Amino acid sequence: QMQLVESGGGLVQPGDSLRLSCAASGRTIGGYVMAWFRQVPGKEREFVASITSFGSTNYADSVTGRFTISRDNAKNTVYLQMNGLKPEDTAVYYCKAQRTFTYWGQGTQVTVSS
């Protein structure tokens, strides 16, 4: 079993930055594809960004150029640096680990509002 705990969310103004962290325990993230998703009430959870064990990254069009995903296997942690935040980025952000099995964290709220 792998446990994922997200942190770093909060209330910010448009244009601000936040860095989310996803700390894993129980298993090492080294062989996993790690990803961030987000969800707003009444909508499906949507893909934000992913990073493979080799460091290859992929982003949703809506965040390309503003968000950066990274991983520190030594710290068993994945990050999402979010710059130029917009109100439409408001959501609960979830961390996902995928290999043979899939694990999800509990989420962290990000609210972008003036």
PDB file of N, CA and C in Angstrom:
ATOM      1  N   GLN A   1       0.841  -1.193   0.000  1.00  0.00           N
ATOM      2  CA  GLN A   1       0.000   0.000   0.000  1.00  0.00           C
ATOM      3  C   GLN A   1       0.874   1.240   0.000  1.00  0.00           C
ATOM      4  N   MET A   2       0.404   2.246  -0.685  1.00  0.00           N
ATOM      5  CA  MET A   2       1.073   3.537  -0.686  1.00  0.00           C
ATOM      6  C   MET A   2       0.092   4.578  -0.169  1.00  0.00           C
ATOM      7  N   GLN A   3       0.567   5.435   0.711  1.00  0.00           N
ATOM      8  CA  GLN A   3      -0.247   6.555   1.180  1.00  0.00           C
ATOM      9  C   GLN A   3       0.321   7.837   0.585  1.00  0.00           C
ATOM     10  N   LEU A   4      -0.580   8.686   0.128  1.00  0.00           N
ATOM     11  CA  LEU A   4      -0.201   9.967  -0.465  1.00  0.00           C
ATOM     12  C   LEU A   4      -0.868  11.090   0.321  1.00  0.00           C
ATOM     13  N   VAL A   5      -0.085  12.078   0.701  1.00  0.00           N
ATOM     14  CA  VAL A   5      -0.612  13.210   1.441  1.00  0.00           C
ATOM     15  C   VAL A   5      -0.223  14.499   0.727  1.00  0.00           C
ATOM     16  N   GLU A   6      -1.234  15.216   0.270  1.00  0.00           N
ATOM     17  CA  GLU A   6      -1.008  16.493  -0.397  1.00  0.00           C
ATOM     18  C   GLU A   6      -0.974  17.631   0.617  1.00  0.00           C
ATOM     19  N   SER A   7      -0.236  18.662   0.297  1.00  0.00           N
ATOM     20  CA  SER A   7      -0.178  19.857   1.122  1.00  0.00           C
ATOM     21  C   SER A   7       0.199  21.040   0.253  1.00  0.00           C
ATOM     22  N   GLY A   8       0.032  22.236   0.819  1.00  0.00           N
ATOM     23  CA  GLY A   8       0.448  23.445   0.116  1.00  0.00           C
ATOM     24  C   GLY A   8      -0.672  24.257  -0.491  1.00  0.00           C
ATOM     25  N   GLY A   9      -1.897  23.748  -0.403  1.00  0.00           N
ATOM     26  CA  GLY A   9      -3.017  24.502  -0.937  1.00  0.00           C
ATOM     27  C   GLY A   9      -3.336  25.708  -0.078  1.00  0.00           C
ATOM     28  N   GLY A  10      -4.243  26.530  -0.591  1.00  0.00           N
ATOM     29  CA  GLY A  10      -4.639  27.694   0.174  1.00  0.00           C
ATOM     30  C   GLY A  10      -5.417  28.677  -0.665  1.00  0.00           C
ATOM     31  N   LEU A  11      -5.642  29.851  -0.093  1.00  0.00           N
ATOM     32  CA  LEU A  11      -6.359  30.936  -0.759  1.00  0.00           C
ATOM     33  C   LEU A  11      -5.342  31.952  -1.265  1.00  0.00           C
ATOM     34  N   VAL A  12      -5.350  32.204  -2.560  1.00  0.00           N
ATOM     35  CA  VAL A  12      -4.422  33.164  -3.153  1.00  0.00           C
ATOM     36  C   VAL A  12      -5.177  34.063  -4.120  1.00  0.00           C
ATOM     37  N   GLN A  13      -4.515  35.144  -4.534  1.00  0.00           N
ATOM     38  CA  GLN A  13      -5.108  36.060  -5.494  1.00  0.00           C
ATOM     39  C   GLN A  13      -4.680  35.693  -6.919  1.00  0.00           C
ATOM     40  N   PRO A  14      -5.454  36.118  -7.892  1.00  0.00           N
ATOM     41  CA  PRO A  14      -5.058  35.872  -9.289  1.00  0.00           C
ATOM     42  C   PRO A  14      -3.655  36.398  -9.557  1.00  0.00           C
ATOM     43  N   GLY A  15      -2.870  35.597 -10.260  1.00  0.00           N
ATOM     44  CA  GLY A  15      -1.497  35.955 -10.568  1.00  0.00           C
ATOM     45  C   GLY A  15      -0.475  35.432  -9.575  1.00  0.00           C
ATOM     46  N   ASP A  16      -0.936  34.997  -8.416  1.00  0.00           N
ATOM     47  CA  ASP A  16      -0.036  34.468  -7.392  1.00  0.00           C
ATOM     48  C   ASP A  16       0.468  33.079  -7.759  1.00  0.00           C
ATOM     49  N   SER A  17       1.379  32.594  -6.929  1.00  0.00           N
ATOM     50  CA  SER A  17       1.951  31.261  -7.115  1.00  0.00           C
ATOM     51  C   SER A  17       1.721  30.408  -5.870  1.00  0.00           C
ATOM     52  N   LEU A  18       1.695  29.110  -6.083  1.00  0.00           N
ATOM     53  CA  LEU A  18       1.633  28.129  -5.005  1.00  0.00           C
ATOM     54  C   LEU A  18       2.457  26.924  -5.416  1.00  0.00           C
ATOM     55  N   ARG A  19       3.000  26.240  -4.428  1.00  0.00           N
ATOM     56  CA  ARG A  19       3.656  24.964  -4.703  1.00  0.00           C
ATOM     57  C   ARG A  19       2.982  23.893  -3.873  1.00  0.00           C
ATOM     58  N   LEU A  20       2.407  22.928  -4.550  1.00  0.00           N
ATOM     59  CA  LEU A  20       1.809  21.789  -3.885  1.00  0.00           C
ATOM     60  C   LEU A  20       2.841  20.683  -3.733  1.00  0.00           C
ATOM     61  N   SER A  21       2.720  19.956  -2.631  1.00  0.00           N
ATOM     62  CA  SER A  21       3.581  18.802  -2.393  1.00  0.00           C
ATOM     63  C   SER A  21       2.724  17.561  -2.198  1.00  0.00           C
ATOM     64  N   CYS A  22       3.259  16.448  -2.604  1.00  0.00           N
ATOM     65  CA  CYS A  22       2.607  15.160  -2.410  1.00  0.00           C
ATOM     66  C   CYS A  22       3.643  14.216  -1.826  1.00  0.00           C
ATOM     67  N   ALA A  23       3.498  13.936  -0.538  1.00  0.00           N
ATOM     68  CA  ALA A  23       4.450  13.074   0.152  1.00  0.00           C
ATOM     69  C   ALA A  23       3.910  11.653   0.188  1.00  0.00           C
ATOM     70  N   ALA A  24       4.733  10.723  -0.270  1.00  0.00           N
ATOM     71  CA  ALA A  24       4.339   9.315  -0.305  1.00  0.00           C
ATOM     72  C   ALA A  24       4.986   8.545   0.838  1.00  0.00           C
ATOM     73  N   SER A  25       4.275   7.546   1.307  1.00  0.00           N
ATOM     74  CA  SER A  25       4.811   6.634   2.315  1.00  0.00           C
ATOM     75  C   SER A  25       4.280   5.239   2.039  1.00  0.00           C
ATOM     76  N   GLY A  26       4.965   4.271   2.599  1.00  0.00           N
ATOM     77  CA  GLY A  26       4.548   2.889   2.403  1.00  0.00           C
ATOM     78  C   GLY A  26       5.255   2.203   1.245  1.00  0.00           C
ATOM     79  N   ARG A  27       5.500   2.936   0.197  1.00  0.00           N
ATOM     80  CA  ARG A  27       6.253   2.461  -0.961  1.00  0.00           C
ATOM     81  C   ARG A  27       7.040   3.627  -1.530  1.00  0.00           C
ATOM     82  N   THR A  28       8.092   3.311  -2.246  1.00  0.00           N
ATOM     83  CA  THR A  28       8.851   4.377  -2.899  1.00  0.00           C
ATOM     84  C   THR A  28       8.191   4.705  -4.234  1.00  0.00           C
ATOM     85  N   ILE A  29       8.288   5.968  -4.614  1.00  0.00           N
ATOM     86  CA  ILE A  29       7.629   6.417  -5.842  1.00  0.00           C
ATOM     87  C   ILE A  29       8.472   6.153  -7.075  1.00  0.00           C
ATOM     88  N   GLY A  30       9.672   5.627  -6.874  1.00  0.00           N
ATOM     89  CA  GLY A  30      10.628   5.535  -7.973  1.00  0.00           C
ATOM     90  C   GLY A  30      10.094   4.923  -9.257  1.00  0.00           C
ATOM     91  N   GLY A  31       9.320   3.867  -9.197  1.00  0.00           N
ATOM     92  CA  GLY A  31       8.854   3.198 -10.401  1.00  0.00           C
ATOM     93  C   GLY A  31       7.467   3.625 -10.857  1.00  0.00           C
ATOM     94  N   TYR A  32       6.928   4.626 -10.209  1.00  0.00           N
ATOM     95  CA  TYR A  32       5.556   5.043 -10.469  1.00  0.00           C
ATOM     96  C   TYR A  32       5.497   6.261 -11.383  1.00  0.00           C
ATOM     97  N   VAL A  33       4.462   6.290 -12.211  1.00  0.00           N
ATOM     98  CA  VAL A  33       4.073   7.528 -12.869  1.00  0.00           C
ATOM     99  C   VAL A  33       3.280   8.323 -11.840  1.00  0.00           C
ATOM    100  N   MET A  34       3.704   9.540 -11.598  1.00  0.00           N
ATOM    101  CA  MET A  34       3.042  10.401 -10.632  1.00  0.00           C
ATOM    102  C   MET A  34       2.287  11.505 -11.379  1.00  0.00           C
ATOM    103  N   ALA A  35       1.134  11.843 -10.860  1.00  0.00           N
ATOM    104  CA  ALA A  35       0.324  12.836 -11.565  1.00  0.00           C
ATOM    105  C   ALA A  35      -0.470  13.684 -10.585  1.00  0.00           C
ATOM    106  N   TRP A  36      -0.884  14.841 -11.081  1.00  0.00           N
ATOM    107  CA  TRP A  36      -1.813  15.714 -10.364  1.00  0.00           C
ATOM    108  C   TRP A  36      -3.103  15.814 -11.172  1.00  0.00           C
ATOM    109  N   PHE A  37      -4.208  15.726 -10.467  1.00  0.00           N
ATOM    110  CA  PHE A  37      -5.527  15.937 -11.032  1.00  0.00           C
ATOM    111  C   PHE A  37      -6.213  17.006 -10.192  1.00  0.00           C
ATOM    112  N   ARG A  38      -7.306  17.534 -10.703  1.00  0.00           N
ATOM    113  CA  ARG A  38      -8.084  18.489  -9.923  1.00  0.00           C
ATOM    114  C   ARG A  38      -9.565  18.277 -10.195  1.00  0.00           C
ATOM    115  N   GLN A  39     -10.352  18.731  -9.228  1.00  0.00           N
ATOM    116  CA  GLN A  39     -11.800  18.532  -9.329  1.00  0.00           C
ATOM    117  C   GLN A  39     -12.536  19.669  -8.652  1.00  0.00           C
ATOM    118  N   VAL A  40     -13.569  20.145  -9.335  1.00  0.00           N
ATOM    119  CA  VAL A  40     -14.475  21.123  -8.742  1.00  0.00           C
ATOM    120  C   VAL A  40     -15.819  20.447  -8.534  1.00  0.00           C
ATOM    121  N   PRO A  41     -16.600  20.924  -7.575  1.00  0.00           N
ATOM    122  CA  PRO A  41     -17.892  20.280  -7.303  1.00  0.00           C
ATOM    123  C   PRO A  41     -18.767  20.203  -8.549  1.00  0.00           C
ATOM    124  N   GLY A  42     -19.339  19.040  -8.772  1.00  0.00           N
ATOM    125  CA  GLY A  42     -20.239  18.856  -9.899  1.00  0.00           C
ATOM    126  C   GLY A  42     -19.568  18.519 -11.207  1.00  0.00           C
ATOM    127  N   LYS A  43     -18.236  18.473 -11.202  1.00  0.00           N
ATOM    128  CA  LYS A  43     -17.512  18.146 -12.432  1.00  0.00           C
ATOM    129  C   LYS A  43     -16.622  16.934 -12.208  1.00  0.00           C
ATOM    130  N   GLU A  44     -16.236  16.311 -13.309  1.00  0.00           N
ATOM    131  CA  GLU A  44     -15.346  15.166 -13.218  1.00  0.00           C
ATOM    132  C   GLU A  44     -13.923  15.617 -12.865  1.00  0.00           C
ATOM    133  N   ARG A  45     -13.213  14.714 -12.257  1.00  0.00           N
ATOM    134  CA  ARG A  45     -11.813  14.989 -11.954  1.00  0.00           C
ATOM    135  C   ARG A  45     -11.047  15.076 -13.274  1.00  0.00           C
ATOM    136  N   GLU A  46     -10.199  16.105 -13.384  1.00  0.00           N
ATOM    137  CA  GLU A  46      -9.487  16.304 -14.641  1.00  0.00           C
ATOM    138  C   GLU A  46      -7.982  16.255 -14.449  1.00  0.00           C
ATOM    139  N   PHE A  47      -7.333  15.789 -15.484  1.00  0.00           N
ATOM    140  CA  PHE A  47      -5.872  15.678 -15.497  1.00  0.00           C
ATOM    141  C   PHE A  47      -5.236  17.062 -15.513  1.00  0.00           C
ATOM    142  N   VAL A  48      -4.160  17.206 -14.741  1.00  0.00           N
ATOM    143  CA  VAL A  48      -3.409  18.463 -14.725  1.00  0.00           C
ATOM    144  C   VAL A  48      -2.002  18.252 -15.285  1.00  0.00           C
ATOM    145  N   ALA A  49      -1.280  17.297 -14.701  1.00  0.00           N
ATOM    146  CA  ALA A  49       0.100  17.077 -15.115  1.00  0.00           C
ATOM    147  C   ALA A  49       0.557  15.708 -14.649  1.00  0.00           C
ATOM    148  N   SER A  50       1.557  15.168 -15.346  1.00  0.00           N
ATOM    149  CA  SER A  50       2.124  13.890 -14.942  1.00  0.00           C
ATOM    150  C   SER A  50       3.617  13.875 -15.198  1.00  0.00           C
ATOM    151  N   ILE A  51       4.300  12.968 -14.499  1.00  0.00           N
ATOM    152  CA  ILE A  51       5.736  12.813 -14.675  1.00  0.00           C
ATOM    153  C   ILE A  51       6.078  11.338 -14.528  1.00  0.00           C
ATOM    154  N   THR A  52       6.829  10.816 -15.481  1.00  0.00           N
ATOM    155  CA  THR A  52       7.204   9.402 -15.432  1.00  0.00           C
ATOM    156  C   THR A  52       8.416   9.213 -14.520  1.00  0.00           C
ATOM    157  N   SER A  53       8.763   7.962 -14.308  1.00  0.00           N
ATOM    158  CA  SER A  53       9.926   7.654 -13.477  1.00  0.00           C
ATOM    159  C   SER A  53      11.217   8.137 -14.141  1.00  0.00           C
ATOM    160  N   PHE A  54      11.167   8.376 -15.451  1.00  0.00           N
ATOM    161  CA  PHE A  54      12.334   8.887 -16.171  1.00  0.00           C
ATOM    162  C   PHE A  54      12.347  10.404 -16.244  1.00  0.00           C
ATOM    163  N   GLY A  55      11.294  11.038 -15.734  1.00  0.00           N
ATOM    164  CA  GLY A  55      11.254  12.490 -15.709  1.00  0.00           C
ATOM    165  C   GLY A  55      10.532  13.126 -16.876  1.00  0.00           C
ATOM    166  N   SER A  56       9.923  12.329 -17.733  1.00  0.00           N
ATOM    167  CA  SER A  56       9.142  12.894 -18.824  1.00  0.00           C
ATOM    168  C   SER A  56       7.845  13.466 -18.285  1.00  0.00           C
ATOM    169  N   THR A  57       7.498  14.645 -18.762  1.00  0.00           N
ATOM    170  CA  THR A  57       6.326  15.337 -18.239  1.00  0.00           C
ATOM    171  C   THR A  57       5.265  15.546 -19.313  1.00  0.00           C
ATOM    172  N   ASN A  58       4.036  15.704 -18.838  1.00  0.00           N
ATOM    173  CA  ASN A  58       2.905  15.972 -19.712  1.00  0.00           C
ATOM    174  C   ASN A  58       1.958  16.894 -18.963  1.00  0.00           C
ATOM    175  N   TYR A  59       1.350  17.834 -19.699  1.00  0.00           N
ATOM    176  CA  TYR A  59       0.491  18.827 -19.064  1.00  0.00           C
ATOM    177  C   TYR A  59      -0.823  18.984 -19.812  1.00  0.00           C
ATOM    178  N   ALA A  60      -1.843  19.330 -19.074  1.00  0.00           N
ATOM    179  CA  ALA A  60      -3.091  19.742 -19.705  1.00  0.00           C
ATOM    180  C   ALA A  60      -2.858  21.075 -20.404  1.00  0.00           C
ATOM    181  N   ASP A  61      -3.562  21.287 -21.493  1.00  0.00           N
ATOM    182  CA  ASP A  61      -3.384  22.527 -22.251  1.00  0.00           C
ATOM    183  C   ASP A  61      -3.649  23.754 -21.383  1.00  0.00           C
ATOM    184  N   SER A  62      -4.591  23.635 -20.463  1.00  0.00           N
ATOM    185  CA  SER A  62      -4.994  24.788 -19.652  1.00  0.00           C
ATOM    186  C   SER A  62      -3.919  25.249 -18.682  1.00  0.00           C
ATOM    187  N   VAL A  63      -2.923  24.410 -18.412  1.00  0.00           N
ATOM    188  CA  VAL A  63      -1.894  24.789 -17.440  1.00  0.00           C
ATOM    189  C   VAL A  63      -0.498  24.854 -18.066  1.00  0.00           C
ATOM    190  N   THR A  64      -0.373  24.466 -19.308  1.00  0.00           N
ATOM    191  CA  THR A  64       0.931  24.474 -19.966  1.00  0.00           C
ATOM    192  C   THR A  64       1.521  25.874 -19.954  1.00  0.00           C
ATOM    193  N   GLY A  65       2.769  25.947 -19.530  1.00  0.00           N
ATOM    194  CA  GLY A  65       3.455  27.227 -19.453  1.00  0.00           C
ATOM    195  C   GLY A  65       3.300  27.920 -18.114  1.00  0.00           C
ATOM    196  N   ARG A  66       2.377  27.447 -17.284  1.00  0.00           N
ATOM    197  CA  ARG A  66       2.159  28.058 -15.962  1.00  0.00           C
ATOM    198  C   ARG A  66       2.504  27.096 -14.825  1.00  0.00           C
ATOM    199  N   PHE A  67       2.242  25.815 -15.025  1.00  0.00           N
ATOM    200  CA  PHE A  67       2.478  24.820 -13.978  1.00  0.00           C
ATOM    201  C   PHE A  67       3.680  23.953 -14.345  1.00  0.00           C
ATOM    202  N   THR A  68       4.389  23.514 -13.311  1.00  0.00           N
ATOM    203  CA  THR A  68       5.522  22.614 -13.510  1.00  0.00           C
ATOM    204  C   THR A  68       5.450  21.485 -12.496  1.00  0.00           C
ATOM    205  N   ILE A  69       5.480  20.262 -12.988  1.00  0.00           N
ATOM    206  CA  ILE A  69       5.508  19.091 -12.112  1.00  0.00           C
ATOM    207  C   ILE A  69       6.949  18.613 -11.987  1.00  0.00           C
ATOM    208  N   SER A  70       7.315  18.175 -10.788  1.00  0.00           N
ATOM    209  CA  SER A  70       8.648  17.637 -10.565  1.00  0.00           C
ATOM    210  C   SER A  70       8.566  16.558  -9.501  1.00  0.00           C
ATOM    211  N   ARG A  71       9.631  15.790  -9.401  1.00  0.00           N
ATOM    212  CA  ARG A  71       9.654  14.726  -8.399  1.00  0.00           C
ATOM    213  C   ARG A  71      11.039  14.660  -7.772  1.00  0.00           C
ATOM    214  N   ASP A  72      11.044  14.285  -6.502  1.00  0.00           N
ATOM    215  CA  ASP A  72      12.286  14.058  -5.772  1.00  0.00           C
ATOM    216  C   ASP A  72      12.180  12.655  -5.190  1.00  0.00           C
ATOM    217  N   ASN A  73      12.734  11.699  -5.901  1.00  0.00           N
ATOM    218  CA  ASN A  73      12.600  10.306  -5.464  1.00  0.00           C
ATOM    219  C   ASN A  73      13.268  10.077  -4.106  1.00  0.00           C
ATOM    220  N   ALA A  74      14.327  10.803  -3.827  1.00  0.00           N
ATOM    221  CA  ALA A  74      15.016  10.642  -2.545  1.00  0.00           C
ATOM    222  C   ALA A  74      14.127  11.069  -1.383  1.00  0.00           C
ATOM    223  N   LYS A  75      13.277  12.063  -1.635  1.00  0.00           N
ATOM    224  CA  LYS A  75      12.350  12.526  -0.598  1.00  0.00           C
ATOM    225  C   LYS A  75      10.978  11.876  -0.727  1.00  0.00           C
ATOM    226  N   ASN A  76      10.838  11.036  -1.753  1.00  0.00           N
ATOM    227  CA  ASN A  76       9.553  10.348  -1.977  1.00  0.00           C
ATOM    228  C   ASN A  76       8.408  11.348  -2.113  1.00  0.00           C
ATOM    229  N   THR A  77       8.673  12.424  -2.832  1.00  0.00           N
ATOM    230  CA  THR A  77       7.731  13.530  -2.922  1.00  0.00           C
ATOM    231  C   THR A  77       7.627  14.041  -4.355  1.00  0.00           C
ATOM    232  N   VAL A  78       6.417  14.432  -4.710  1.00  0.00           N
ATOM    233  CA  VAL A  78       6.145  15.045  -6.001  1.00  0.00           C
ATOM    234  C   VAL A  78       5.628  16.459  -5.743  1.00  0.00           C
ATOM    235  N   TYR A  79       5.966  17.357  -6.651  1.00  0.00           N
ATOM    236  CA  TYR A  79       5.586  18.758  -6.484  1.00  0.00           C
ATOM    237  C   TYR A  79       4.805  19.254  -7.699  1.00  0.00           C
ATOM    238  N   LEU A  80       4.013  20.274  -7.464  1.00  0.00           N
ATOM    239  CA  LEU A  80       3.369  20.990  -8.552  1.00  0.00           C
ATOM    240  C   LEU A  80       3.549  22.478  -8.283  1.00  0.00           C
ATOM    241  N   GLN A  81       4.422  23.091  -9.049  1.00  0.00           N
ATOM    242  CA  GLN A  81       4.619  24.533  -8.951  1.00  0.00           C
ATOM    243  C   GLN A  81       3.599  25.212  -9.849  1.00  0.00           C
ATOM    244  N   MET A  82       2.790  26.060  -9.276  1.00  0.00           N
ATOM    245  CA  MET A  82       1.715  26.720 -10.008  1.00  0.00           C
ATOM    246  C   MET A  82       1.964  28.216 -10.003  1.00  0.00           C
ATOM    247  N   ASN A  83       2.204  28.769 -11.169  1.00  0.00           N
ATOM    248  CA  ASN A  83       2.426  30.204 -11.329  1.00  0.00           C
ATOM    249  C   ASN A  83       1.289  30.826 -12.135  1.00  0.00           C
ATOM    250  N   GLY A  84       1.131  32.113 -11.992  1.00  0.00           N
ATOM    251  CA  GLY A  84       0.090  32.793 -12.754  1.00  0.00           C
ATOM    252  C   GLY A  84      -1.279  32.212 -12.537  1.00  0.00           C
ATOM    253  N   LEU A  85      -1.616  31.968 -11.290  1.00  0.00           N
ATOM    254  CA  LEU A  85      -2.890  31.307 -10.994  1.00  0.00           C
ATOM    255  C   LEU A  85      -4.080  32.157 -11.416  1.00  0.00           C
ATOM    256  N   LYS A  86      -5.100  31.458 -11.883  1.00  0.00           N
ATOM    257  CA  LYS A  86      -6.334  32.089 -12.356  1.00  0.00           C
ATOM    258  C   LYS A  86      -7.515  31.570 -11.527  1.00  0.00           C
ATOM    259  N   PRO A  87      -8.608  32.323 -11.482  1.00  0.00           N
ATOM    260  CA  PRO A  87      -9.785  31.835 -10.739  1.00  0.00           C
ATOM    261  C   PRO A  87     -10.242  30.454 -11.206  1.00  0.00           C
ATOM    262  N   GLU A  88     -10.089  30.174 -12.472  1.00  0.00           N
ATOM    263  CA  GLU A  88     -10.513  28.870 -12.993  1.00  0.00           C
ATOM    264  C   GLU A  88      -9.602  27.721 -12.561  1.00  0.00           C
ATOM    265  N   ASP A  89      -8.507  28.024 -11.886  1.00  0.00           N
ATOM    266  CA  ASP A  89      -7.663  26.985 -11.305  1.00  0.00           C
ATOM    267  C   ASP A  89      -8.181  26.525  -9.950  1.00  0.00           C
ATOM    268  N   THR A  90      -9.192  27.211  -9.441  1.00  0.00           N
ATOM    269  CA  THR A  90      -9.780  26.837  -8.155  1.00  0.00           C
ATOM    270  C   THR A  90     -10.337  25.417  -8.224  1.00  0.00           C
ATOM    271  N   ALA A  91      -9.892  24.581  -7.296  1.00  0.00           N
ATOM    272  CA  ALA A  91     -10.292  23.173  -7.286  1.00  0.00           C
ATOM    273  C   ALA A  91      -9.631  22.480  -6.106  1.00  0.00           C
ATOM    274  N   VAL A  92     -10.043  21.248  -5.877  1.00  0.00           N
ATOM    275  CA  VAL A  92      -9.302  20.367  -4.993  1.00  0.00           C
ATOM    276  C   VAL A  92      -8.297  19.622  -5.857  1.00  0.00           C
ATOM    277  N   TYR A  93      -7.045  19.674  -5.464  1.00  0.00           N
ATOM    278  CA  TYR A  93      -5.975  19.056  -6.229  1.00  0.00           C
ATOM    279  C   TYR A  93      -5.575  17.730  -5.580  1.00  0.00           C
ATOM    280  N   TYR A  94      -5.532  16.702  -6.410  1.00  0.00           N
ATOM    281  CA  TYR A  94      -5.236  15.353  -5.951  1.00  0.00           C
ATOM    282  C   TYR A  94      -3.949  14.836  -6.582  1.00  0.00           C
ATOM    283  N   CYS A  95      -3.223  14.094  -5.803  1.00  0.00           N
ATOM    284  CA  CYS A  95      -2.018  13.423  -6.259  1.00  0.00           C
ATOM    285  C   CYS A  95      -2.365  11.963  -6.569  1.00  0.00           C
ATOM    286  N   LYS A  96      -1.774  11.445  -7.616  1.00  0.00           N
ATOM    287  CA  LYS A  96      -2.025  10.067  -8.037  1.00  0.00           C
ATOM    288  C   LYS A  96      -0.708   9.375  -8.331  1.00  0.00           C
ATOM    289  N   ALA A  97      -0.605   8.129  -7.893  1.00  0.00           N
ATOM    290  CA  ALA A  97       0.543   7.293  -8.205  1.00  0.00           C
ATOM    291  C   ALA A  97       0.045   6.071  -8.963  1.00  0.00           C
ATOM    292  N   GLN A  98       0.666   5.756 -10.086  1.00  0.00           N
ATOM    293  CA  GLN A  98       0.178   4.664 -10.913  1.00  0.00           C
ATOM    294  C   GLN A  98       1.328   3.781 -11.361  1.00  0.00           C
ATOM    295  N   ARG A  99       1.120   2.492 -11.103  1.00  0.00           N
ATOM    296  CA  ARG A  99       2.022   1.472 -11.646  1.00  0.00           C
ATOM    297  C   ARG A  99       1.156   0.255 -11.879  1.00  0.00           C
ATOM    298  N   THR A 100       1.369  -0.807 -11.156  1.00  0.00           N
ATOM    299  CA  THR A 100       0.450  -1.939 -11.235  1.00  0.00           C
ATOM    300  C   THR A 100      -0.880  -1.563 -10.583  1.00  0.00           C
ATOM    301  N   PHE A 101      -0.777  -0.869  -9.470  1.00  0.00           N
ATOM    302  CA  PHE A 101      -1.945  -0.357  -8.766  1.00  0.00           C
ATOM    303  C   PHE A 101      -1.948   1.162  -8.842  1.00  0.00           C
ATOM    304  N   THR A 102      -3.101   1.714  -8.533  1.00  0.00           N
ATOM    305  CA  THR A 102      -3.272   3.167  -8.516  1.00  0.00           C
ATOM    306  C   THR A 102      -3.614   3.635  -7.115  1.00  0.00           C
ATOM    307  N   TYR A 103      -2.950   4.693  -6.684  1.00  0.00           N
ATOM    308  CA  TYR A 103      -3.196   5.272  -5.369  1.00  0.00           C
ATOM    309  C   TYR A 103      -3.528   6.752  -5.525  1.00  0.00           C
ATOM    310  N   TRP A 104      -4.423   7.208  -4.674  1.00  0.00           N
ATOM    311  CA  TRP A 104      -4.825   8.615  -4.656  1.00  0.00           C
ATOM    312  C   TRP A 104      -4.632   9.204  -3.272  1.00  0.00           C
ATOM    313  N   GLY A 105      -4.321  10.484  -3.225  1.00  0.00           N
ATOM    314  CA  GLY A 105      -4.322  11.196  -1.968  1.00  0.00           C
ATOM    315  C   GLY A 105      -5.698  11.745  -1.662  1.00  0.00           C
ATOM    316  N   GLN A 106      -5.808  12.463  -0.541  1.00  0.00           N
ATOM    317  CA  GLN A 106      -7.092  12.990  -0.098  1.00  0.00           C
ATOM    318  C   GLN A 106      -7.386  14.366  -0.684  1.00  0.00           C
ATOM    319  N   GLY A 107      -6.388  15.006  -1.236  1.00  0.00           N
ATOM    320  CA  GLY A 107      -6.604  16.290  -1.891  1.00  0.00           C
ATOM    321  C   GLY A 107      -6.274  17.483  -1.027  1.00  0.00           C
ATOM    322  N   THR A 108      -5.977  18.582  -1.693  1.00  0.00           N
ATOM    323  CA  THR A 108      -5.743  19.854  -1.018  1.00  0.00           C
ATOM    324  C   THR A 108      -6.457  20.950  -1.801  1.00  0.00           C
ATOM    325  N   GLN A 109      -7.132  21.833  -1.075  1.00  0.00           N
ATOM    326  CA  GLN A 109      -7.949  22.861  -1.719  1.00  0.00           C
ATOM    327  C   GLN A 109      -7.084  24.031  -2.174  1.00  0.00           C
ATOM    328  N   VAL A 110      -7.289  24.428  -3.404  1.00  0.00           N
ATOM    329  CA  VAL A 110      -6.675  25.644  -3.939  1.00  0.00           C
ATOM    330  C   VAL A 110      -7.798  26.574  -4.364  1.00  0.00           C
ATOM    331  N   THR A 111      -7.787  27.777  -3.816  1.00  0.00           N
ATOM    332  CA  THR A 111      -8.798  28.772  -4.156  1.00  0.00           C
ATOM    333  C   THR A 111      -8.103  30.026  -4.648  1.00  0.00           C
ATOM    334  N   VAL A 112      -8.472  30.440  -5.852  1.00  0.00           N
ATOM    335  CA  VAL A 112      -7.889  31.637  -6.452  1.00  0.00           C
ATOM    336  C   VAL A 112      -8.998  32.668  -6.585  1.00  0.00           C
ATOM    337  N   SER A 113      -8.895  33.720  -5.801  1.00  0.00           N
ATOM    338  CA  SER A 113      -9.966  34.709  -5.768  1.00  0.00           C
ATOM    339  C   SER A 113      -9.418  36.049  -5.311  1.00  0.00           C
ATOM    340  N   SER A 114      -9.980  37.108  -5.880  1.00  0.00           N
ATOM    341  CA  SER A 114      -9.597  38.448  -5.449  1.00  0.00           C
ATOM    342  C   SER A 114     -10.530  38.944  -4.352  1.00  0.00           C
TER     343      SER A 114
END
